[in-house]
Each structure stands twice: as C-alpha cells, then as structure tokens.
PDB file of N, CA and C in Angstrom:
ATOM      1  N   MET A   1    -153.790  18.192 -20.851  1.00  0.00           N
ATOM      2  CA  MET A   1    -152.792  18.470 -21.807  1.00  0.00           C
ATOM      3  C   MET A   1    -151.229  18.123 -21.017  1.00  0.00           C
ATOM      4  N   LYS A   2    -151.251  18.438 -19.794  1.00  0.00           N
ATOM      5  CA  LYS A   2    -150.092  18.225 -19.145  1.00  0.00           C
ATOM      6  C   LYS A   2    -149.750  16.694 -18.941  1.00  0.00           C
ATOM      7  N   ARG A   3    -150.810  16.019 -18.538  1.00  0.00           N
ATOM      8  CA  ARG A   3    -150.745  14.497 -18.484  1.00  0.00           C
ATOM      9  C   ARG A   3    -150.190  13.950 -19.766  1.00  0.00           C
ATOM     10  N   GLU A   4    -150.640  14.277 -21.011  1.00  0.00           N
ATOM     11  CA  GLU A   4    -150.331  13.781 -22.043  1.00  0.00           C
ATOM     12  C   GLU A   4    -148.764  13.922 -22.634  1.00  0.00           C
ATOM     13  N   SER A   5    -148.392  15.289 -22.140  1.00  0.00           N
ATOM     14  CA  SER A   5    -147.019  15.697 -22.120  1.00  0.00           C
ATOM     15  C   SER A   5    -146.119  14.704 -21.415  1.00  0.00           C
ATOM     16  N   LYS A   6    -146.484  14.371 -20.272  1.00  0.00           N
ATOM     17  CA  LYS A   6    -145.733  13.492 -19.378  1.00  0.00           C
ATOM     18  C   LYS A   6    -145.677  12.064 -19.999  1.00  0.00           C
ATOM     19  N   LEU A   7    -146.802  11.654 -20.575  1.00  0.00           N
ATOM     20  CA  LEU A   7    -146.999  10.236 -21.215  1.00  0.00           C
ATOM     21  C   LEU A   7    -146.028  10.214 -22.261  1.00  0.00           C
ATOM     22  N   VAL A   8    -146.094  11.318 -23.200  1.00  0.00           N
ATOM     23  CA  VAL A   8    -145.122  11.306 -24.475  1.00  0.00           C
ATOM     24  C   VAL A   8    -143.831  11.319 -23.999  1.00  0.00           C
ATOM     25  N   LEU A   9    -143.372  11.981 -22.988  1.00  0.00           N
ATOM     26  CA  LEU A   9    -141.841  12.021 -22.506  1.00  0.00           C
ATOM     27  C   LEU A   9    -141.371  10.689 -21.858  1.00  0.00           C
ATOM     28  N   VAL A  10    -142.265  10.091 -21.193  1.00  0.00           N
ATOM     29  CA  VAL A  10    -142.044   8.608 -20.698  1.00  0.00           C
ATOM     30  C   VAL A  10    -141.923   7.804 -21.692  1.00  0.00           C
ATOM     31  N   THR A  11    -142.685   7.872 -22.820  1.00  0.00           N
ATOM     32  CA  THR A  11    -142.725   6.756 -23.836  1.00  0.00           C
ATOM     33  C   THR A  11    -141.270   7.090 -24.551  1.00  0.00           C
ATOM     34  N   MET A  12    -141.033   8.327 -24.724  1.00  0.00           N
ATOM     35  CA  MET A  12    -139.803   8.515 -25.662  1.00  0.00           C
ATOM     36  C   MET A  12    -138.541   8.113 -24.863  1.00  0.00           C
ATOM     37  N   LEU A  13    -138.556   8.218 -23.488  1.00  0.00           N
ATOM     38  CA  LEU A  13    -137.460   7.764 -22.618  1.00  0.00           C
ATOM     39  C   LEU A  13    -137.335   6.169 -22.646  1.00  0.00           C
ATOM     40  N   VAL A  14    -138.482   5.584 -22.473  1.00  0.00           N
ATOM     41  CA  VAL A  14    -138.490   4.021 -22.684  1.00  0.00           C
ATOM     42  C   VAL A  14    -137.905   3.609 -23.819  1.00  0.00           C
ATOM     43  N   LEU A  15    -138.366   4.247 -25.007  1.00  0.00           N
ATOM     44  CA  LEU A  15    -137.764   3.782 -26.427  1.00  0.00           C
ATOM     45  C   LEU A  15    -136.415   3.996 -26.401  1.00  0.00           C
ATOM     46  N   MET A  16    -136.023   5.289 -25.922  1.00  0.00           N
ATOM     47  CA  MET A  16    -134.502   5.691 -25.930  1.00  0.00           C
ATOM     48  C   MET A  16    -133.555   4.383 -25.334  1.00  0.00           C
ATOM     49  N   LEU A  17    -134.241   4.155 -24.077  1.00  0.00           N
ATOM     50  CA  LEU A  17    -133.497   3.017 -23.228  1.00  0.00           C
ATOM     51  C   LEU A  17    -133.406   1.547 -23.895  1.00  0.00           C
ATOM     52  N   LEU A  18    -134.640   1.385 -24.514  1.00  0.00           N
ATOM     53  CA  LEU A  18    -134.681   0.124 -25.272  1.00  0.00           C
ATOM     54  C   LEU A  18    -133.666   0.038 -26.524  1.00  0.00           C
ATOM     55  N   ALA A  19    -133.717   1.364 -27.228  1.00  0.00           N
ATOM     56  CA  ALA A  19    -132.828   1.333 -28.313  1.00  0.00           C
ATOM     57  C   ALA A  19    -131.274   1.186 -27.867  1.00  0.00           C
ATOM     58  N   GLU A  20    -130.891   1.874 -26.706  1.00  0.00           N
ATOM     59  CA  GLU A  20    -129.533   1.793 -26.316  1.00  0.00           C
ATOM     60  C   GLU A  20    -129.194   0.331 -25.925  1.00  0.00           C
ATOM     61  N   SER A  21    -130.081  -0.250 -25.084  1.00  0.00           N
ATOM     62  CA  SER A  21    -129.955  -1.572 -24.510  1.00  0.00           C
ATOM     63  C   SER A  21    -129.674  -2.676 -25.726  1.00  0.00           C
ATOM     64  N   HIS A  22    -130.281  -2.453 -26.860  1.00  0.00           N
ATOM     65  CA  HIS A  22    -130.302  -3.128 -27.946  1.00  0.00           C
ATOM     66  C   HIS A  22    -128.783  -2.999 -28.685  1.00  0.00           C
ATOM     67  N   ILE A  23    -128.381  -1.817 -28.681  1.00  0.00           N
ATOM     68  CA  ILE A  23    -127.163  -1.493 -29.183  1.00  0.00           C
ATOM     69  C   ILE A  23    -125.985  -2.270 -28.430  1.00  0.00           C
ATOM     70  N   SER A  24    -126.258  -2.164 -27.067  1.00  0.00           N
ATOM     71  CA  SER A  24    -125.084  -2.633 -26.515  1.00  0.00           C
ATOM     72  C   SER A  24    -125.123  -4.203 -26.579  1.00  0.00           C
ATOM     73  N   LEU A  25    -126.144  -4.700 -26.867  1.00  0.00           N
ATOM     74  CA  LEU A  25    -126.217  -6.166 -27.018  1.00  0.00           C
ATOM     75  C   LEU A  25    -125.474  -6.719 -28.419  1.00  0.00           C
ATOM     76  N   ALA A  26    -125.430  -5.705 -29.208  1.00  0.00           N
ATOM     77  CA  ALA A  26    -124.879  -6.256 -30.596  1.00  0.00           C
ATOM     78  C   ALA A  26    -123.414  -6.731 -30.463  1.00  0.00           C
ATOM     79  N   ALA A  27    -123.096  -7.640 -31.154  1.00  0.00           N
ATOM     80  CA  ALA A  27    -121.888  -8.385 -31.317  1.00  0.00           C
ATOM     81  C   ALA A  27    -120.691  -7.117 -31.725  1.00  0.00           C
ATOM     82  N   THR A  28    -119.471  -7.224 -31.144  1.00  0.00           N
ATOM     83  CA  THR A  28    -118.617  -6.419 -31.637  1.00  0.00           C
ATOM     84  C   THR A  28    -117.693  -7.484 -32.324  1.00  0.00           C
ATOM     85  N   CYS A  29    -117.659  -7.148 -33.782  1.00  0.00           N
ATOM     86  CA  CYS A  29    -116.969  -8.011 -34.447  1.00  0.00           C
ATOM     87  C   CYS A  29    -115.343  -7.882 -34.352  1.00  0.00           C
ATOM     88  N   SER A  30    -114.653  -8.838 -33.800  1.00  0.00           N
ATOM     89  CA  SER A  30    -113.315  -9.040 -33.696  1.00  0.00           C
ATOM     90  C   SER A  30    -112.955 -10.347 -33.713  1.00  0.00           C
ATOM     91  N   PRO A  31    -112.082 -10.751 -34.913  1.00  0.00           N
ATOM     92  CA  PRO A  31    -111.726 -12.161 -35.001  1.00  0.00           C
ATOM     93  C   PRO A  31    -110.760 -12.741 -33.788  1.00  0.00           C
ATOM     94  N   VAL A  32    -110.099 -11.915 -33.228  1.00  0.00           N
ATOM     95  CA  VAL A  32    -109.472 -12.164 -32.056  1.00  0.00           C
ATOM     96  C   VAL A  32    -110.180 -12.880 -31.042  1.00  0.00           C
ATOM     97  N   GLN A  33    -111.395 -12.352 -30.987  1.00  0.00           N
ATOM     98  CA  GLN A  33    -112.260 -13.169 -29.957  1.00  0.00           C
ATOM     99  C   GLN A  33    -112.377 -14.702 -30.214  1.00  0.00           C
ATOM    100  N   LEU A  34    -112.173 -15.134 -31.271  1.00  0.00           N
ATOM    101  CA  LEU A  34    -112.271 -16.608 -31.431  1.00  0.00           C
ATOM    102  C   LEU A  34    -110.737 -17.314 -31.266  1.00  0.00           C
ATOM    103  N   SER A  35    -109.942 -16.448 -30.642  1.00  0.00           N
ATOM    104  CA  SER A  35    -108.608 -17.198 -30.454  1.00  0.00           C
ATOM    105  C   SER A  35    -108.866 -18.644 -29.601  1.00  0.00           C
ATOM    106  N   PRO A  36    -109.631 -18.642 -28.645  1.00  0.00           N
ATOM    107  CA  PRO A  36    -109.902 -19.824 -27.968  1.00  0.00           C
ATOM    108  C   PRO A  36    -110.276 -21.124 -28.755  1.00  0.00           C
ATOM    109  N   CYS A  37    -110.542 -20.987 -29.966  1.00  0.00           N
ATOM    110  CA  CYS A  37    -111.066 -22.032 -30.879  1.00  0.00           C
ATOM    111  C   CYS A  37    -109.824 -22.422 -31.683  1.00  0.00           C
ATOM    112  N   LEU A  38    -108.814 -21.762 -31.792  1.00  0.00           N
ATOM    113  CA  LEU A  38    -107.443 -22.226 -32.557  1.00  0.00           C
ATOM    114  C   LEU A  38    -107.190 -23.644 -32.343  1.00  0.00           C
ATOM    115  N   GLY A  39    -106.961 -24.144 -31.223  1.00  0.00           N
ATOM    116  CA  GLY A  39    -106.596 -25.427 -30.907  1.00  0.00           C
ATOM    117  C   GLY A  39    -107.446 -26.503 -31.481  1.00  0.00           C
ATOM    118  N   ALA A  40    -108.849 -26.222 -31.494  1.00  0.00           N
ATOM    119  CA  ALA A  40    -109.900 -27.082 -31.778  1.00  0.00           C
ATOM    120  C   ALA A  40    -110.103 -27.091 -33.383  1.00  0.00           C
ATOM    121  N   ILE A  41    -109.656 -25.767 -34.014  1.00  0.00           N
ATOM    122  CA  ILE A  41    -109.690 -25.804 -35.316  1.00  0.00           C
ATOM    123  C   ILE A  41    -108.535 -26.631 -36.040  1.00  0.00           C
ATOM    124  N   ARG A  42    -107.308 -26.338 -35.451  1.00  0.00           N
ATOM    125  CA  ARG A  42    -106.217 -27.136 -35.864  1.00  0.00           C
ATOM    126  C   ARG A  42    -106.225 -28.604 -35.571  1.00  0.00           C
ATOM    127  N   SER A  43    -106.817 -29.216 -34.735  1.00  0.00           N
ATOM    128  CA  SER A  43    -106.612 -30.397 -34.285  1.00  0.00           C
ATOM    129  C   SER A  43    -107.986 -31.180 -34.326  1.00  0.00           C
ATOM    130  N   SER A  44    -107.961 -32.398 -33.972  1.00  0.00           N
ATOM    131  CA  SER A  44    -109.058 -33.118 -33.534  1.00  0.00           C
ATOM    132  C   SER A  44    -109.874 -33.134 -32.377  1.00  0.00           C
ATOM    133  N   SER A  45    -109.211 -32.032 -31.431  1.00  0.00           N
ATOM    134  CA  SER A  45    -109.879 -32.094 -30.142  1.00  0.00           C
ATOM    135  C   SER A  45    -111.306 -31.287 -30.273  1.00  0.00           C
ATOM    136  N   PRO A  46    -112.041 -31.499 -29.353  1.00  0.00           N
ATOM    137  CA  PRO A  46    -113.111 -30.847 -29.325  1.00  0.00           C
ATOM    138  C   PRO A  46    -113.192 -29.434 -28.979  1.00  0.00           C
ATOM    139  N   PRO A  47    -114.076 -28.549 -29.125  1.00  0.00           N
ATOM    140  CA  PRO A  47    -113.992 -27.242 -28.710  1.00  0.00           C
ATOM    141  C   PRO A  47    -114.357 -27.009 -27.177  1.00  0.00           C
ATOM    142  N   SER A  48    -113.449 -26.007 -26.647  1.00  0.00           N
ATOM    143  CA  SER A  48    -113.887 -25.982 -25.167  1.00  0.00           C
ATOM    144  C   SER A  48    -115.356 -24.884 -25.022  1.00  0.00           C
ATOM    145  N   LYS A  49    -115.796 -25.033 -23.826  1.00  0.00           N
ATOM    146  CA  LYS A  49    -116.931 -24.272 -23.545  1.00  0.00           C
ATOM    147  C   LYS A  49    -116.755 -22.683 -24.006  1.00  0.00           C
ATOM    148  N   LEU A  50    -115.517 -22.230 -23.678  1.00  0.00           N
ATOM    149  CA  LEU A  50    -115.090 -20.841 -23.893  1.00  0.00           C
ATOM    150  C   LEU A  50    -115.127 -20.561 -25.430  1.00  0.00           C
ATOM    151  N   CYS A  51    -114.566 -21.583 -26.066  1.00  0.00           N
ATOM    152  CA  CYS A  51    -114.762 -21.312 -27.609  1.00  0.00           C
ATOM    153  C   CYS A  51    -116.094 -21.296 -28.150  1.00  0.00           C
ATOM    154  N   CYS A  52    -116.899 -22.212 -27.651  1.00  0.00           N
ATOM    155  CA  CYS A  52    -118.337 -22.368 -28.136  1.00  0.00           C
ATOM    156  C   CYS A  52    -118.984 -20.957 -27.723  1.00  0.00           C
ATOM    157  N   SER A  53    -118.520 -20.353 -26.615  1.00  0.00           N
ATOM    158  CA  SER A  53    -119.257 -19.034 -26.096  1.00  0.00           C
ATOM    159  C   SER A  53    -119.072 -18.054 -26.972  1.00  0.00           C
ATOM    160  N   LYS A  54    -117.591 -18.126 -27.518  1.00  0.00           N
ATOM    161  CA  LYS A  54    -117.234 -16.967 -28.227  1.00  0.00           C
ATOM    162  C   LYS A  54    -117.653 -16.966 -29.850  1.00  0.00           C
ATOM    163  N   ILE A  55    -117.659 -18.322 -30.334  1.00  0.00           N
ATOM    164  CA  ILE A  55    -118.315 -18.357 -31.601  1.00  0.00           C
ATOM    165  C   ILE A  55    -119.760 -17.922 -31.611  1.00  0.00           C
ATOM    166  N   LYS A  56    -120.440 -18.455 -30.612  1.00  0.00           N
ATOM    167  CA  LYS A  56    -121.847 -18.000 -30.585  1.00  0.00           C
ATOM    168  C   LYS A  56    -122.007 -16.477 -30.573  1.00  0.00           C
ATOM    169  N   GLN A  57    -121.002 -15.668 -29.726  1.00  0.00           N
ATOM    170  CA  GLN A  57    -121.069 -14.217 -29.724  1.00  0.00           C
ATOM    171  C   GLN A  57    -120.749 -13.807 -30.886  1.00  0.00           C
ATOM    172  N   GLN A  58    -119.941 -14.227 -31.856  1.00  0.00           N
ATOM    173  CA  GLN A  58    -119.368 -13.749 -32.962  1.00  0.00           C
ATOM    174  C   GLN A  58    -120.053 -14.244 -34.311  1.00  0.00           C
ATOM    175  N   LYS A  59    -121.150 -15.030 -34.099  1.00  0.00           N
ATOM    176  CA  LYS A  59    -122.135 -15.622 -35.119  1.00  0.00           C
ATOM    177  C   LYS A  59    -122.511 -14.432 -36.117  1.00  0.00           C
ATOM    178  N   PRO A  60    -122.964 -13.369 -35.570  1.00  0.00           N
ATOM    179  CA  PRO A  60    -123.442 -12.286 -36.533  1.00  0.00           C
ATOM    180  C   PRO A  60    -122.178 -11.621 -37.454  1.00  0.00           C
ATOM    181  N   CYS A  61    -121.011 -12.067 -37.132  1.00  0.00           N
ATOM    182  CA  CYS A  61    -119.889 -11.385 -37.738  1.00  0.00           C
ATOM    183  C   CYS A  61    -119.287 -12.516 -38.735  1.00  0.00           C
ATOM    184  N   LEU A  62    -119.581 -13.763 -38.897  1.00  0.00           N
ATOM    185  CA  LEU A  62    -119.059 -14.847 -39.641  1.00  0.00           C
ATOM    186  C   LEU A  62    -119.146 -14.384 -41.109  1.00  0.00           C
ATOM    187  N   CYS A  63    -120.193 -13.859 -41.465  1.00  0.00           N
ATOM    188  CA  CYS A  63    -120.257 -13.368 -43.098  1.00  0.00           C
ATOM    189  C   CYS A  63    -119.235 -12.352 -43.260  1.00  0.00           C
ATOM    190  N   GLN A  64    -119.183 -11.393 -42.502  1.00  0.00           N
ATOM    191  CA  GLN A  64    -118.161 -10.313 -42.667  1.00  0.00           C
ATOM    192  C   GLN A  64    -116.749 -11.037 -42.805  1.00  0.00           C
ATOM    193  N   TYR A  65    -116.444 -12.049 -41.734  1.00  0.00           N
ATOM    194  CA  TYR A  65    -115.161 -12.568 -41.956  1.00  0.00           C
ATOM    195  C   TYR A  65    -114.929 -13.497 -43.275  1.00  0.00           C
ATOM    196  N   LEU A  66    -115.989 -14.232 -43.614  1.00  0.00           N
ATOM    197  CA  LEU A  66    -115.806 -14.791 -44.835  1.00  0.00           C
ATOM    198  C   LEU A  66    -115.551 -13.847 -46.151  1.00  0.00           C
ATOM    199  N   LYS A  67    -115.937 -12.626 -46.015  1.00  0.00           N
ATOM    200  CA  LYS A  67    -115.766 -11.819 -47.128  1.00  0.00           C
ATOM    201  C   LYS A  67    -114.384 -11.136 -46.891  1.00  0.00           C
ATOM    202  N   ASN A  68    -113.662 -11.273 -45.966  1.00  0.00           N
ATOM    203  CA  ASN A  68    -112.453 -10.811 -45.823  1.00  0.00           C
ATOM    204  C   ASN A  68    -111.464 -11.967 -46.473  1.00  0.00           C
ATOM    205  N   PRO A  69    -110.575 -11.616 -47.437  1.00  0.00           N
ATOM    206  CA  PRO A  69    -109.719 -12.531 -48.055  1.00  0.00           C
ATOM    207  C   PRO A  69    -108.562 -13.100 -47.009  1.00  0.00           C
ATOM    208  N   THR A  70    -108.238 -12.325 -46.015  1.00  0.00           N
ATOM    209  CA  THR A  70    -107.172 -12.800 -44.930  1.00  0.00           C
ATOM    210  C   THR A  70    -107.968 -13.856 -44.107  1.00  0.00           C
ATOM    211  N   LEU A  71    -109.231 -13.656 -43.683  1.00  0.00           N
ATOM    212  CA  LEU A  71    -109.783 -14.451 -42.692  1.00  0.00           C
ATOM    213  C   LEU A  71    -110.476 -15.492 -43.322  1.00  0.00           C
ATOM    214  N   LYS A  72    -110.968 -15.562 -44.552  1.00  0.00           N
ATOM    215  CA  LYS A  72    -111.829 -16.415 -45.287  1.00  0.00           C
ATOM    216  C   LYS A  72    -111.053 -17.946 -45.291  1.00  0.00           C
ATOM    217  N   LYS A  73    -109.752 -17.837 -45.356  1.00  0.00           N
ATOM    218  CA  LYS A  73    -109.104 -19.077 -45.271  1.00  0.00           C
ATOM    219  C   LYS A  73    -109.344 -19.851 -44.006  1.00  0.00           C
ATOM    220  N   TYR A  74    -109.326 -19.293 -42.970  1.00  0.00           N
ATOM    221  CA  TYR A  74    -109.484 -19.778 -41.629  1.00  0.00           C
ATOM    222  C   TYR A  74    -110.909 -20.173 -41.480  1.00  0.00           C
ATOM    223  N   VAL A  75    -111.852 -19.095 -41.534  1.00  0.00           N
ATOM    224  CA  VAL A  75    -113.224 -19.319 -41.326  1.00  0.00           C
ATOM    225  C   VAL A  75    -113.681 -20.433 -42.188  1.00  0.00           C
ATOM    226  N   ASN A  76    -113.265 -20.588 -43.485  1.00  0.00           N
ATOM    227  CA  ASN A  76    -113.889 -21.416 -44.334  1.00  0.00           C
ATOM    228  C   ASN A  76    -113.173 -22.834 -44.409  1.00  0.00           C
ATOM    229  N   SER A  77    -112.320 -23.092 -43.222  1.00  0.00           N
ATOM    230  CA  SER A  77    -111.701 -24.281 -43.230  1.00  0.00           C
ATOM    231  C   SER A  77    -112.325 -25.460 -42.720  1.00  0.00           C
ATOM    232  N   PRO A  78    -112.049 -26.699 -42.980  1.00  0.00           N
ATOM    233  CA  PRO A  78    -112.754 -27.753 -42.468  1.00  0.00           C
ATOM    234  C   PRO A  78    -112.752 -27.828 -40.818  1.00  0.00           C
ATOM    235  N   GLY A  79    -111.789 -27.460 -40.206  1.00  0.00           N
ATOM    236  CA  GLY A  79    -111.594 -27.387 -38.887  1.00  0.00           C
ATOM    237  C   GLY A  79    -112.567 -26.509 -38.365  1.00  0.00           C
ATOM    238  N   ALA A  80    -112.648 -25.204 -38.893  1.00  0.00           N
ATOM    239  CA  ALA A  80    -113.580 -24.094 -38.346  1.00  0.00           C
ATOM    240  C   ALA A  80    -115.051 -24.606 -38.568  1.00  0.00           C
ATOM    241  N   LYS A  81    -115.337 -25.303 -39.753  1.00  0.00           N
ATOM    242  CA  LYS A  81    -116.692 -25.742 -39.885  1.00  0.00           C
ATOM    243  C   LYS A  81    -117.025 -26.788 -38.879  1.00  0.00           C
ATOM    244  N   LYS A  82    -116.215 -27.820 -38.569  1.00  0.00           N
ATOM    245  CA  LYS A  82    -116.226 -28.788 -37.473  1.00  0.00           C
ATOM    246  C   LYS A  82    -116.452 -28.167 -36.175  1.00  0.00           C
ATOM    247  N   VAL A  83    -115.756 -27.236 -35.762  1.00  0.00           N
ATOM    248  CA  VAL A  83    -116.001 -26.513 -34.428  1.00  0.00           C
ATOM    249  C   VAL A  83    -117.255 -25.758 -34.432  1.00  0.00           C
ATOM    250  N   ALA A  84    -117.755 -25.089 -35.583  1.00  0.00           N
ATOM    251  CA  ALA A  84    -118.874 -24.342 -35.491  1.00  0.00           C
ATOM    252  C   ALA A  84    -120.110 -25.529 -35.271  1.00  0.00           C
ATOM    253  N   ARG A  85    -120.004 -26.480 -36.109  1.00  0.00           N
ATOM    254  CA  ARG A  85    -121.013 -27.511 -35.999  1.00  0.00           C
ATOM    255  C   ARG A  85    -121.013 -28.361 -34.427  1.00  0.00           C
ATOM    256  N   SER A  86    -119.905 -28.583 -34.001  1.00  0.00           N
ATOM    257  CA  SER A  86    -119.856 -28.989 -32.603  1.00  0.00           C
ATOM    258  C   SER A  86    -120.436 -27.989 -31.500  1.00  0.00           C
ATOM    259  N   CYS A  87    -120.525 -26.802 -31.753  1.00  0.00           N
ATOM    260  CA  CYS A  87    -120.773 -25.834 -30.906  1.00  0.00           C
ATOM    261  C   CYS A  87    -122.489 -25.503 -31.099  1.00  0.00           C
ATOM    262  N   GLY A  88    -122.780 -26.080 -32.302  1.00  0.00           N
ATOM    263  CA  GLY A  88    -124.360 -25.821 -32.493  1.00  0.00           C
ATOM    264  C   GLY A  88    -124.449 -24.504 -33.243  1.00  0.00           C
ATOM    265  N   VAL A  89    -123.531 -24.018 -33.867  1.00  0.00           N
ATOM    266  CA  VAL A  89    -123.614 -22.858 -34.524  1.00  0.00           C
ATOM    267  C   VAL A  89    -123.815 -23.163 -35.944  1.00  0.00           C
ATOM    268  N   PRO A  90    -124.850 -22.898 -36.638  1.00  0.00           N
ATOM    269  CA  PRO A  90    -124.888 -23.162 -38.115  1.00  0.00           C
ATOM    270  C   PRO A  90    -123.922 -22.275 -39.157  1.00  0.00           C
ATOM    271  N   TYR A  91    -123.284 -23.055 -39.922  1.00  0.00           N
ATOM    272  CA  TYR A  91    -122.275 -22.286 -40.685  1.00  0.00           C
ATOM    273  C   TYR A  91    -123.124 -21.240 -41.755  1.00  0.00           C
ATOM    274  N   PRO A  92    -122.718 -20.161 -41.742  1.00  0.00           N
ATOM    275  CA  PRO A  92    -123.526 -19.142 -42.401  1.00  0.00           C
ATOM    276  C   PRO A  92    -123.471 -19.425 -43.978  1.00  0.00           C
ATOM    277  N   ARG A  93    -124.418 -19.055 -44.615  1.00  0.00           N
ATOM    278  CA  ARG A  93    -124.471 -19.020 -45.968  1.00  0.00           C
ATOM    279  C   ARG A  93    -124.595 -17.701 -46.496  1.00  0.00           C
ATOM    280  N   CYS A  94    -123.494 -17.003 -46.952  1.00  0.00           N
ATOM    281  CA  CYS A  94    -123.457 -15.508 -47.259  1.00  0.00           C
ATOM    282  C   CYS A  94    -123.567 -15.334 -48.641  1.00  0.00           C
TER     283      CYS A  94
END
C-alpha cells in the first residue's frame, strides 16, 4: 500500500509539472510584441528575423487581434499579410 501511495504522489507531481510547463509555453498576447514588424508592414522591405520570430510567437493571438476593431485594420492590411507570408506564418481564418 505504501508503494502505491508513493507512485500516485509521484504521478501527480509529474502531471503538475507538465501542466505548469505547458502554461509557461503559452503565448502572451501583446500586439506591442509585433513592433519589430512595423517597418516591413509599412514598406516593401523584407521582415527581419526578429520580426518573424515575434510573429511566430504571436500566431496564437492573431485571431484575437483580428476581432479587435482597433487592431484589425493593421493585422488585416496587405502589408501584414505579406509579412506573415514571408515569415512562413499562415494567415488565420477566424
């Protein structure tokens, strides 16, 4: 019985650690994180590696940004779509 209790305790601890690590990997939605992309969105210049890294991090948030009337005009712009495509991030269908 004692061994089973230890096994259950260890299993619970592992599950808690996995759940915690999953939460810490989730994207924090912050449109300010996309500021390295502004130059590429506004011009014909290619996006920087930093821009692509940030847009990939913010990918789970793009639908949320599209639902925000203030952000939609920027995220839905031809320049933003071009940058997403150049970075290999599919444009979301929300």
